[in-house]
Every structure is written in C-alpha cells, then in structure tokens.
Amino acid sequence: TCVPLPLENVDTDQIIPARFLKATTREEKFFGDNLFRDW
C-alpha cells in the first residue's frame, strides 16, 4: 500500500530539517522519527 504526499517541490529541508544535521552517523530510527518533522 502507499502513503500519498501530493505536494510539489518538496525539498530536503522539509524532508529532514537542518537542525538534525548535527548527527554524523546514520541512526535510522532517529532520522526516521524526524522525517517531515515540521509538518
């Protein structure tokens, strides 16, 4: 099944806001939990 996100021009700052870029290791749960954080 699918998750619909019918928005155009979704940029990487909306996908993961800049304040989360301090992490330098790929902790999947951390980043997954903050996907589209501000929305």
PDB file of all heavy atoms in Angstrom:
ATOM      1  N   THR A   1       0.864  -1.173   0.000  1.00  0.00           N
ATOM      2  CA  THR A   1       0.000   0.000   0.000  1.00  0.00           C
ATOM      3  C   THR A   1       0.909   1.235   0.000  1.00  0.00           C
ATOM      4  O   THR A   1       2.136   1.123   0.111  1.00  0.00           O
ATOM      5  CB  THR A   1      -0.911   0.001   1.238  1.00  0.00           C
ATOM      6  OG1 THR A   1      -0.100  -0.183   2.416  1.00  0.00           O
ATOM      7  CG2 THR A   1      -1.945  -1.111   1.156  1.00  0.00           C
ATOM      8  N   CYS A   2       0.313   2.401  -0.108  1.00  0.00           N
ATOM      9  CA  CYS A   2       1.094   3.620  -0.311  1.00  0.00           C
ATOM     10  C   CYS A   2       0.689   4.742   0.643  1.00  0.00           C
ATOM     11  O   CYS A   2      -0.439   4.790   1.123  1.00  0.00           O
ATOM     12  CB  CYS A   2       0.913   4.125  -1.739  1.00  0.00           C
ATOM     13  SG  CYS A   2       1.304   2.920  -3.014  1.00  0.00           S
ATOM     14  N   VAL A   3       1.637   5.647   0.862  1.00  0.00           N
ATOM     15  CA  VAL A   3       1.385   6.878   1.602  1.00  0.00           C
ATOM     16  C   VAL A   3       1.410   8.022   0.583  1.00  0.00           C
ATOM     17  O   VAL A   3       2.435   8.232  -0.077  1.00  0.00           O
ATOM     18  CB  VAL A   3       2.450   7.107   2.685  1.00  0.00           C
ATOM     19  CG1 VAL A   3       2.235   8.456   3.363  1.00  0.00           C
ATOM     20  CG2 VAL A   3       2.410   5.972   3.713  1.00  0.00           C
ATOM     21  N   PRO A   4       0.301   8.749   0.427  1.00  0.00           N
ATOM     22  CA  PRO A   4       0.262   9.824  -0.572  1.00  0.00           C
ATOM     23  C   PRO A   4       0.736  11.171  -0.008  1.00  0.00           C
ATOM     24  O   PRO A   4       0.328  11.589   1.068  1.00  0.00           O
ATOM     25  CB  PRO A   4      -1.231   9.896  -0.929  1.00  0.00           C
ATOM     26  CG  PRO A   4      -1.933   9.504   0.352  1.00  0.00           C
ATOM     27  CD  PRO A   4      -1.022   8.522   1.046  1.00  0.00           C
ATOM     28  N   LEU A   5       1.612  11.824  -0.740  1.00  0.00           N
ATOM     29  CA  LEU A   5       2.087  13.167  -0.382  1.00  0.00           C
ATOM     30  C   LEU A   5       2.051  14.011  -1.654  1.00  0.00           C
ATOM     31  O   LEU A   5       3.068  14.213  -2.315  1.00  0.00           O
ATOM     32  CB  LEU A   5       3.504  13.106   0.187  1.00  0.00           C
ATOM     33  CG  LEU A   5       4.065  14.408   0.752  1.00  0.00           C
ATOM     34  CD1 LEU A   5       3.363  14.778   2.049  1.00  0.00           C
ATOM     35  CD2 LEU A   5       5.573  14.294   0.975  1.00  0.00           C
ATOM     36  N   PRO A   6       0.854  14.503  -2.010  1.00  0.00           N
ATOM     37  CA  PRO A   6       0.676  15.176  -3.312  1.00  0.00           C
ATOM     38  C   PRO A   6       1.152  16.631  -3.319  1.00  0.00           C
ATOM     39  O   PRO A   6       0.453  17.526  -3.774  1.00  0.00           O
ATOM     40  CB  PRO A   6      -0.832  15.075  -3.531  1.00  0.00           C
ATOM     41  CG  PRO A   6      -1.404  15.148  -2.154  1.00  0.00           C
ATOM     42  CD  PRO A   6      -0.412  14.422  -1.259  1.00  0.00           C
ATOM     43  N   LEU A   7       2.364  16.847  -2.823  1.00  0.00           N
ATOM     44  CA  LEU A   7       2.930  18.189  -2.783  1.00  0.00           C
ATOM     45  C   LEU A   7       4.090  18.263  -3.759  1.00  0.00           C
ATOM     46  O   LEU A   7       4.928  17.355  -3.800  1.00  0.00           O
ATOM     47  CB  LEU A   7       3.429  18.527  -1.374  1.00  0.00           C
ATOM     48  CG  LEU A   7       2.395  18.488  -0.252  1.00  0.00           C
ATOM     49  CD1 LEU A   7       3.071  18.686   1.103  1.00  0.00           C
ATOM     50  CD2 LEU A   7       1.323  19.536  -0.473  1.00  0.00           C
ATOM     51  N   GLU A   8       4.165  19.340  -4.516  1.00  0.00           N
ATOM     52  CA  GLU A   8       5.274  19.529  -5.448  1.00  0.00           C
ATOM     53  C   GLU A   8       6.408  20.296  -4.773  1.00  0.00           C
ATOM     54  O   GLU A   8       6.208  21.001  -3.789  1.00  0.00           O
ATOM     55  CB  GLU A   8       4.800  20.278  -6.694  1.00  0.00           C
ATOM     56  CG  GLU A   8       3.785  19.498  -7.512  1.00  0.00           C
ATOM     57  CD  GLU A   8       3.469  20.143  -8.846  1.00  0.00           C
ATOM     58  OE1 GLU A   8       3.988  21.254  -9.122  1.00  0.00           O
ATOM     59  OE2 GLU A   8       2.718  19.535  -9.627  1.00  0.00           O
ATOM     60  N   ASN A   9       7.612  20.115  -5.308  1.00  0.00           N
ATOM     61  CA  ASN A   9       8.798  20.853  -4.856  1.00  0.00           C
ATOM     62  C   ASN A   9       9.111  20.626  -3.373  1.00  0.00           C
ATOM     63  O   ASN A   9       9.499  21.556  -2.657  1.00  0.00           O
ATOM     64  CB  ASN A   9       8.629  22.358  -5.129  1.00  0.00           C
ATOM     65  CG  ASN A   9       8.300  22.644  -6.574  1.00  0.00           C
ATOM     66  OD1 ASN A   9       8.957  22.143  -7.477  1.00  0.00           O
ATOM     67  ND2 ASN A   9       7.253  23.425  -6.805  1.00  0.00           N
ATOM     68  N   VAL A  10       8.948  19.389  -2.919  1.00  0.00           N
ATOM     69  CA  VAL A  10       9.320  19.051  -1.539  1.00  0.00           C
ATOM     70  C   VAL A  10      10.843  19.020  -1.469  1.00  0.00           C
ATOM     71  O   VAL A  10      11.484  18.192  -2.127  1.00  0.00           O
ATOM     72  CB  VAL A  10       8.719  17.696  -1.121  1.00  0.00           C
ATOM     73  CG1 VAL A  10       9.242  17.285   0.260  1.00  0.00           C
ATOM     74  CG2 VAL A  10       7.195  17.764  -1.111  1.00  0.00           C
ATOM     75  N   ASP A  11      11.427  19.922  -0.680  1.00  0.00           N
ATOM     76  CA  ASP A  11      12.886  19.980  -0.647  1.00  0.00           C
ATOM     77  C   ASP A  11      13.444  19.208   0.547  1.00  0.00           C
ATOM     78  O   ASP A  11      12.712  18.749   1.422  1.00  0.00           O
ATOM     79  CB  ASP A  11      13.385  21.434  -0.684  1.00  0.00           C
ATOM     80  CG  ASP A  11      13.012  22.243   0.553  1.00  0.00           C
ATOM     81  OD1 ASP A  11      13.030  21.689   1.672  1.00  0.00           O
ATOM     82  OD2 ASP A  11      12.749  23.456   0.410  1.00  0.00           O
ATOM     83  N   THR A  12      14.759  19.065   0.560  1.00  0.00           N
ATOM     84  CA  THR A  12      15.395  18.220   1.574  1.00  0.00           C
ATOM     85  C   THR A  12      15.283  18.811   2.974  1.00  0.00           C
ATOM     86  O   THR A  12      15.346  18.075   3.962  1.00  0.00           O
ATOM     87  CB  THR A  12      16.871  17.964   1.225  1.00  0.00           C
ATOM     88  OG1 THR A  12      17.525  19.216   0.985  1.00  0.00           O
ATOM     89  CG2 THR A  12      16.985  17.080  -0.012  1.00  0.00           C
ATOM     90  N   ASP A  13      15.102  20.131   3.086  1.00  0.00           N
ATOM     91  CA  ASP A  13      14.924  20.736   4.410  1.00  0.00           C
ATOM     92  C   ASP A  13      13.548  20.398   4.973  1.00  0.00           C
ATOM     93  O   ASP A  13      13.369  20.333   6.200  1.00  0.00           O
ATOM     94  CB  ASP A  13      15.103  22.249   4.353  1.00  0.00           C
ATOM     95  CG  ASP A  13      15.211  22.864   5.745  1.00  0.00           C
ATOM     96  OD1 ASP A  13      16.099  22.425   6.508  1.00  0.00           O
ATOM     97  OD2 ASP A  13      14.416  23.753   6.082  1.00  0.00           O
ATOM     98  N   GLN A  14      12.589  20.165   4.103  1.00  0.00           N
ATOM     99  CA  GLN A  14      11.275  19.721   4.564  1.00  0.00           C
ATOM    100  C   GLN A  14      11.297  18.230   4.897  1.00  0.00           C
ATOM    101  O   GLN A  14      10.616  17.784   5.810  1.00  0.00           O
ATOM    102  CB  GLN A  14      10.219  20.033   3.492  1.00  0.00           C
ATOM    103  CG  GLN A  14       9.993  21.528   3.319  1.00  0.00           C
ATOM    104  CD  GLN A  14       9.373  21.902   1.987  1.00  0.00           C
ATOM    105  OE1 GLN A  14       9.531  21.202   0.989  1.00  0.00           O
ATOM    106  NE2 GLN A  14       8.655  23.019   1.966  1.00  0.00           N
ATOM    107  N   ILE A  15      12.113  17.475   4.151  1.00  0.00           N
ATOM    108  CA  ILE A  15      12.237  16.042   4.420  1.00  0.00           C
ATOM    109  C   ILE A  15      12.910  15.821   5.774  1.00  0.00           C
ATOM    110  O   ILE A  15      12.439  15.037   6.602  1.00  0.00           O
ATOM    111  CB  ILE A  15      13.019  15.338   3.295  1.00  0.00           C
ATOM    112  CG1 ILE A  15      12.236  15.436   1.968  1.00  0.00           C
ATOM    113  CG2 ILE A  15      13.270  13.867   3.652  1.00  0.00           C
ATOM    114  CD1 ILE A  15      13.025  14.973   0.753  1.00  0.00           C
ATOM    115  N   ILE A  16      14.023  16.514   6.029  1.00  0.00           N
ATOM    116  CA  ILE A  16      14.695  16.454   7.337  1.00  0.00           C
ATOM    117  C   ILE A  16      15.285  17.843   7.616  1.00  0.00           C
ATOM    118  O   ILE A  16      16.228  18.262   6.945  1.00  0.00           O
ATOM    119  CB  ILE A  16      15.784  15.350   7.393  1.00  0.00           C
ATOM    120  CG1 ILE A  16      16.357  15.189   8.803  1.00  0.00           C
ATOM    121  CG2 ILE A  16      16.863  15.565   6.363  1.00  0.00           C
ATOM    122  CD1 ILE A  16      15.461  14.506   9.786  1.00  0.00           C
ATOM    123  N   PRO A  17      14.710  18.590   8.553  1.00  0.00           N
ATOM    124  CA  PRO A  17      15.164  19.958   8.826  1.00  0.00           C
ATOM    125  C   PRO A  17      16.641  20.034   9.201  1.00  0.00           C
ATOM    126  O   PRO A  17      17.221  19.097   9.776  1.00  0.00           O
ATOM    127  CB  PRO A  17      14.268  20.396   9.992  1.00  0.00           C
ATOM    128  CG  PRO A  17      13.028  19.567   9.842  1.00  0.00           C
ATOM    129  CD  PRO A  17      13.518  18.233   9.332  1.00  0.00           C
ATOM    130  N   ALA A  18      17.251  21.182   8.902  1.00  0.00           N
ATOM    131  CA  ALA A  18      18.695  21.365   9.063  1.00  0.00           C
ATOM    132  C   ALA A  18      19.171  21.147  10.491  1.00  0.00           C
ATOM    133  O   ALA A  18      20.315  20.730  10.705  1.00  0.00           O
ATOM    134  CB  ALA A  18      19.087  22.764   8.589  1.00  0.00           C
ATOM    135  N   ARG A  19      18.319  21.386  11.473  1.00  0.00           N
ATOM    136  CA  ARG A  19      18.774  21.250  12.862  1.00  0.00           C
ATOM    137  C   ARG A  19      19.117  19.808  13.233  1.00  0.00           C
ATOM    138  O   ARG A  19      19.742  19.560  14.258  1.00  0.00           O
ATOM    139  CB  ARG A  19      17.729  21.811  13.830  1.00  0.00           C
ATOM    140  CG  ARG A  19      16.400  21.097  13.836  1.00  0.00           C
ATOM    141  CD  ARG A  19      15.410  21.838  14.724  1.00  0.00           C
ATOM    142  NE  ARG A  19      14.104  21.233  14.775  1.00  0.00           N
ATOM    143  CZ  ARG A  19      13.139  21.418  13.871  1.00  0.00           C
ATOM    144  NH1 ARG A  19      13.383  22.191  12.808  1.00  0.00           N
ATOM    145  NH2 ARG A  19      11.964  20.838  14.006  1.00  0.00           N
ATOM    146  N   PHE A  20      18.713  18.859  12.389  1.00  0.00           N
ATOM    147  CA  PHE A  20      19.020  17.458  12.669  1.00  0.00           C
ATOM    148  C   PHE A  20      20.301  16.989  11.965  1.00  0.00           C
ATOM    149  O   PHE A  20      20.663  15.826  12.064  1.00  0.00           O
ATOM    150  CB  PHE A  20      17.847  16.562  12.255  1.00  0.00           C
ATOM    151  CG  PHE A  20      16.601  16.832  13.052  1.00  0.00           C
ATOM    152  CD1 PHE A  20      15.516  17.478  12.477  1.00  0.00           C
ATOM    153  CD2 PHE A  20      16.508  16.453  14.386  1.00  0.00           C
ATOM    154  CE1 PHE A  20      14.373  17.740  13.211  1.00  0.00           C
ATOM    155  CE2 PHE A  20      15.369  16.703  15.132  1.00  0.00           C
ATOM    156  CZ  PHE A  20      14.301  17.356  14.545  1.00  0.00           C
ATOM    157  N   LEU A  21      20.976  17.903  11.275  1.00  0.00           N
ATOM    158  CA  LEU A  21      22.154  17.507  10.509  1.00  0.00           C
ATOM    159  C   LEU A  21      23.415  17.408  11.355  1.00  0.00           C
ATOM    160  O   LEU A  21      24.462  17.021  10.851  1.00  0.00           O
ATOM    161  CB  LEU A  21      22.401  18.489   9.352  1.00  0.00           C
ATOM    162  CG  LEU A  21      21.254  18.694   8.368  1.00  0.00           C
ATOM    163  CD1 LEU A  21      21.742  19.457   7.160  1.00  0.00           C
ATOM    164  CD2 LEU A  21      20.636  17.379   7.949  1.00  0.00           C
ATOM    165  N   LYS A  22      23.317  17.736  12.639  1.00  0.00           N
ATOM    166  CA  LYS A  22      24.493  17.632  13.509  1.00  0.00           C
ATOM    167  C   LYS A  22      24.908  16.178  13.684  1.00  0.00           C
ATOM    168  O   LYS A  22      26.064  15.888  13.952  1.00  0.00           O
ATOM    169  CB  LYS A  22      24.196  18.265  14.867  1.00  0.00           C
ATOM    170  CG  LYS A  22      23.993  19.774  14.792  1.00  0.00           C
ATOM    171  CD  LYS A  22      23.596  20.345  16.138  1.00  0.00           C
ATOM    172  CE  LYS A  22      23.306  21.837  16.022  1.00  0.00           C
ATOM    173  NZ  LYS A  22      22.830  22.408  17.297  1.00  0.00           N
ATOM    174  N   ALA A  23      23.947  15.284  13.548  1.00  0.00           N
ATOM    175  CA  ALA A  23      24.278  13.859  13.667  1.00  0.00           C
ATOM    176  C   ALA A  23      25.133  13.448  12.470  1.00  0.00           C
ATOM    177  O   ALA A  23      24.815  13.770  11.327  1.00  0.00           O
ATOM    178  CB  ALA A  23      23.003  13.028  13.719  1.00  0.00           C
ATOM    179  N   THR A  24      26.216  12.762  12.739  1.00  0.00           N
ATOM    180  CA  THR A  24      27.135  12.371  11.660  1.00  0.00           C
ATOM    181  C   THR A  24      27.096  10.880  11.372  1.00  0.00           C
ATOM    182  O   THR A  24      27.709  10.411  10.428  1.00  0.00           O
ATOM    183  CB  THR A  24      28.582  12.772  12.012  1.00  0.00           C
ATOM    184  OG1 THR A  24      28.914  12.193  13.283  1.00  0.00           O
ATOM    185  CG2 THR A  24      28.716  14.282  12.073  1.00  0.00           C
ATOM    186  N   THR A  25      26.392  10.131  12.217  1.00  0.00           N
ATOM    187  CA  THR A  25      26.228   8.703  11.958  1.00  0.00           C
ATOM    188  C   THR A  25      24.790   8.434  11.566  1.00  0.00           C
ATOM    189  O   THR A  25      23.878   9.156  11.971  1.00  0.00           O
ATOM    190  CB  THR A  25      26.577   7.861  13.196  1.00  0.00           C
ATOM    191  OG1 THR A  25      25.751   8.252  14.294  1.00  0.00           O
ATOM    192  CG2 THR A  25      28.048   8.029  13.555  1.00  0.00           C
ATOM    193  N   ARG A  26      24.625   7.402  10.781  1.00  0.00           N
ATOM    194  CA  ARG A  26      23.296   7.093  10.257  1.00  0.00           C
ATOM    195  C   ARG A  26      22.519   6.237  11.258  1.00  0.00           C
ATOM    196  O   ARG A  26      22.551   5.021  11.214  1.00  0.00           O
ATOM    197  CB  ARG A  26      23.419   6.375   8.916  1.00  0.00           C
ATOM    198  CG  ARG A  26      22.074   6.027   8.331  1.00  0.00           C
ATOM    199  CD  ARG A  26      22.238   5.276   7.036  1.00  0.00           C
ATOM    200  NE  ARG A  26      21.008   4.636   6.672  1.00  0.00           N
ATOM    201  CZ  ARG A  26      20.804   3.977   5.552  1.00  0.00           C
ATOM    202  NH1 ARG A  26      21.786   3.866   4.696  1.00  0.00           N
ATOM    203  NH2 ARG A  26      19.658   3.410   5.289  1.00  0.00           N
ATOM    204  N   GLU A  27      21.828   6.899  12.183  1.00  0.00           N
ATOM    205  CA  GLU A  27      20.982   6.203  13.134  1.00  0.00           C
ATOM    206  C   GLU A  27      19.563   6.216  12.554  1.00  0.00           C
ATOM    207  O   GLU A  27      18.846   7.215  12.662  1.00  0.00           O
ATOM    208  CB  GLU A  27      21.034   6.886  14.497  1.00  0.00           C
ATOM    209  CG  GLU A  27      22.439   6.900  15.092  1.00  0.00           C
ATOM    210  CD  GLU A  27      22.550   7.807  16.307  1.00  0.00           C
ATOM    211  OE1 GLU A  27      21.527   7.990  16.977  1.00  0.00           O
ATOM    212  OE2 GLU A  27      23.648   8.318  16.553  1.00  0.00           O
ATOM    213  N   GLU A  28      19.181   5.115  11.929  1.00  0.00           N
ATOM    214  CA  GLU A  28      17.958   5.098  11.133  1.00  0.00           C
ATOM    215  C   GLU A  28      16.723   5.491  11.920  1.00  0.00           C
ATOM    216  O   GLU A  28      15.875   6.224  11.438  1.00  0.00           O
ATOM    217  CB  GLU A  28      17.774   3.726  10.485  1.00  0.00           C
ATOM    218  CG  GLU A  28      18.761   3.459   9.372  1.00  0.00           C
ATOM    219  CD  GLU A  28      18.367   2.303   8.484  1.00  0.00           C
ATOM    220  OE1 GLU A  28      17.453   1.549   8.845  1.00  0.00           O
ATOM    221  OE2 GLU A  28      18.987   2.169   7.419  1.00  0.00           O
ATOM    222  N   LYS A  29      16.598   4.994  13.151  1.00  0.00           N
ATOM    223  CA  LYS A  29      15.395   5.305  13.923  1.00  0.00           C
ATOM    224  C   LYS A  29      15.312   6.797  14.206  1.00  0.00           C
ATOM    225  O   LYS A  29      14.246   7.404  14.091  1.00  0.00           O
ATOM    226  CB  LYS A  29      15.367   4.517  15.227  1.00  0.00           C
ATOM    227  CG  LYS A  29      14.043   4.695  15.983  1.00  0.00           C
ATOM    228  CD  LYS A  29      13.956   3.837  17.220  1.00  0.00           C
ATOM    229  CE  LYS A  29      12.572   3.882  17.839  1.00  0.00           C
ATOM    230  NZ  LYS A  29      12.012   5.236  17.994  1.00  0.00           N
ATOM    231  N   PHE A  30      16.462   7.410  14.561  1.00  0.00           N
ATOM    232  CA  PHE A  30      16.483   8.848  14.845  1.00  0.00           C
ATOM    233  C   PHE A  30      15.997   9.642  13.635  1.00  0.00           C
ATOM    234  O   PHE A  30      15.131  10.506  13.740  1.00  0.00           O
ATOM    235  CB  PHE A  30      17.898   9.290  15.233  1.00  0.00           C
ATOM    236  CG  PHE A  30      18.063  10.782  15.327  1.00  0.00           C
ATOM    237  CD1 PHE A  30      17.607  11.480  16.434  1.00  0.00           C
ATOM    238  CD2 PHE A  30      18.656  11.502  14.297  1.00  0.00           C
ATOM    239  CE1 PHE A  30      17.752  12.859  16.522  1.00  0.00           C
ATOM    240  CE2 PHE A  30      18.805  12.877  14.366  1.00  0.00           C
ATOM    241  CZ  PHE A  30      18.345  13.559  15.489  1.00  0.00           C
ATOM    242  N   PHE A  31      16.561   9.353  12.468  1.00  0.00           N
ATOM    243  CA  PHE A  31      16.180  10.114  11.282  1.00  0.00           C
ATOM    244  C   PHE A  31      14.761   9.774  10.837  1.00  0.00           C
ATOM    245  O   PHE A  31      14.001  10.646  10.426  1.00  0.00           O
ATOM    246  CB  PHE A  31      17.195   9.886  10.159  1.00  0.00           C
ATOM    247  CG  PHE A  31      18.494  10.594  10.408  1.00  0.00           C
ATOM    248  CD1 PHE A  31      19.612   9.893  10.822  1.00  0.00           C
ATOM    249  CD2 PHE A  31      18.588  11.963  10.268  1.00  0.00           C
ATOM    250  CE1 PHE A  31      20.809  10.548  11.083  1.00  0.00           C
ATOM    251  CE2 PHE A  31      19.779  12.632  10.528  1.00  0.00           C
ATOM    252  CZ  PHE A  31      20.893  11.927  10.937  1.00  0.00           C
ATOM    253  N   GLY A  32      14.396   8.494  10.918  1.00  0.00           N
ATOM    254  CA  GLY A  32      13.030   8.106  10.563  1.00  0.00           C
ATOM    255  C   GLY A  32      11.999   8.769  11.444  1.00  0.00           C
ATOM    256  O   GLY A  32      10.935   9.202  10.976  1.00  0.00           O
ATOM    257  N   ASP A  33      12.312   8.904  12.724  1.00  0.00           N
ATOM    258  CA  ASP A  33      11.382   9.549  13.656  1.00  0.00           C
ATOM    259  C   ASP A  33      11.205  11.028  13.350  1.00  0.00           C
ATOM    260  O   ASP A  33      10.223  11.643  13.764  1.00  0.00           O
ATOM    261  CB  ASP A  33      11.874   9.399  15.101  1.00  0.00           C
ATOM    262  CG  ASP A  33      11.689   7.991  15.645  1.00  0.00           C
ATOM    263  OD1 ASP A  33      10.954   7.204  15.012  1.00  0.00           O
ATOM    264  OD2 ASP A  33      12.284   7.677  16.694  1.00  0.00           O
ATOM    265  N   ASN A  34      12.180  11.612  12.660  1.00  0.00           N
ATOM    266  CA  ASN A  34      12.124  13.043  12.362  1.00  0.00           C
ATOM    267  C   ASN A  34      11.866  13.350  10.888  1.00  0.00           C
ATOM    268  O   ASN A  34      12.012  14.494  10.458  1.00  0.00           O
ATOM    269  CB  ASN A  34      13.401  13.713  12.850  1.00  0.00           C
ATOM    270  CG  ASN A  34      13.453  13.745  14.365  1.00  0.00           C
ATOM    271  OD1 ASN A  34      12.651  14.417  15.006  1.00  0.00           O
ATOM    272  ND2 ASN A  34      14.378  12.989  14.950  1.00  0.00           N
ATOM    273  N   LEU A  35      11.480  12.337  10.128  1.00  0.00           N
ATOM    274  CA  LEU A  35      11.092  12.556   8.734  1.00  0.00           C
ATOM    275  C   LEU A  35       9.915  13.526   8.675  1.00  0.00           C
ATOM    276  O   LEU A  35       8.930  13.359   9.390  1.00  0.00           O
ATOM    277  CB  LEU A  35      10.694  11.220   8.093  1.00  0.00           C
ATOM    278  CG  LEU A  35      10.154  11.268   6.671  1.00  0.00           C
ATOM    279  CD1 LEU A  35      11.229  11.745   5.689  1.00  0.00           C
ATOM    280  CD2 LEU A  35       9.627   9.893   6.256  1.00  0.00           C
ATOM    281  N   PHE A  36      10.034  14.552   7.836  1.00  0.00           N
ATOM    282  CA  PHE A  36       8.999  15.594   7.698  1.00  0.00           C
ATOM    283  C   PHE A  36       8.630  16.199   9.062  1.00  0.00           C
ATOM    284  O   PHE A  36       7.467  16.498   9.333  1.00  0.00           O
ATOM    285  CB  PHE A  36       7.742  15.029   7.015  1.00  0.00           C
ATOM    286  CG  PHE A  36       7.966  14.492   5.626  1.00  0.00           C
ATOM    287  CD1 PHE A  36       7.680  13.176   5.324  1.00  0.00           C
ATOM    288  CD2 PHE A  36       8.479  15.309   4.622  1.00  0.00           C
ATOM    289  CE1 PHE A  36       7.882  12.669   4.052  1.00  0.00           C
ATOM    290  CE2 PHE A  36       8.688  14.810   3.331  1.00  0.00           C
ATOM    291  CZ  PHE A  36       8.387  13.488   3.053  1.00  0.00           C
ATOM    292  N   ARG A  37       9.633  16.372   9.913  1.00  0.00           N
ATOM    293  CA  ARG A  37       9.411  16.785  11.301  1.00  0.00           C
ATOM    294  C   ARG A  37       8.495  18.002  11.440  1.00  0.00           C
ATOM    295  O   ARG A  37       7.561  18.000  12.243  1.00  0.00           O
ATOM    296  CB  ARG A  37      10.763  17.077  11.964  1.00  0.00           C
ATOM    297  CG  ARG A  37      10.667  17.619  13.383  1.00  0.00           C
ATOM    298  CD  ARG A  37      10.314  16.547  14.370  1.00  0.00           C
ATOM    299  NE  ARG A  37       9.863  17.090  15.645  1.00  0.00           N
ATOM    300  CZ  ARG A  37       9.835  16.397  16.772  1.00  0.00           C
ATOM    301  NH1 ARG A  37      10.249  15.144  16.784  1.00  0.00           N
ATOM    302  NH2 ARG A  37       9.395  16.939  17.885  1.00  0.00           N
ATOM    303  N   ASP A  38       8.748  19.059  10.674  1.00  0.00           N
ATOM    304  CA  ASP A  38       7.991  20.296  10.880  1.00  0.00           C
ATOM    305  C   ASP A  38       6.571  20.229  10.329  1.00  0.00           C
ATOM    306  O   ASP A  38       5.736  21.068  10.676  1.00  0.00           O
ATOM    307  CB  ASP A  38       8.744  21.488  10.267  1.00  0.00           C
ATOM    308  CG  ASP A  38      10.028  21.782  11.040  1.00  0.00           C
ATOM    309  OD1 ASP A  38      10.148  21.340  12.201  1.00  0.00           O
ATOM    310  OD2 ASP A  38      10.920  22.452  10.478  1.00  0.00           O
ATOM    311  N   TRP A  39       6.294  19.270   9.471  1.00  0.00           N
ATOM    312  CA  TRP A  39       4.924  19.035   9.010  1.00  0.00           C
ATOM    313  C   TRP A  39       4.219  18.014   9.902  1.00  0.00           C
ATOM    314  O   TRP A  39       3.020  18.078  10.101  1.00  0.00           O
ATOM    315  CB  TRP A  39       4.922  18.516   7.573  1.00  0.00           C
ATOM    316  CG  TRP A  39       5.340  19.526   6.552  1.00  0.00           C
ATOM    317  CD1 TRP A  39       5.389  20.879   6.698  1.00  0.00           C
ATOM    318  CD2 TRP A  39       5.755  19.257   5.208  1.00  0.00           C
ATOM    319  NE1 TRP A  39       5.819  21.472   5.546  1.00  0.00           N
ATOM    320  CE2 TRP A  39       6.045  20.493   4.598  1.00  0.00           C
ATOM    321  CE3 TRP A  39       5.917  18.083   4.472  1.00  0.00           C
ATOM    322  CZ2 TRP A  39       6.467  20.606   3.285  1.00  0.00           C
ATOM    323  CZ3 TRP A  39       6.342  18.191   3.148  1.00  0.00           C
ATOM    324  CH2 TRP A  39       6.622  19.435   2.571  1.00  0.00           C
TER     325      TRP A  39
END
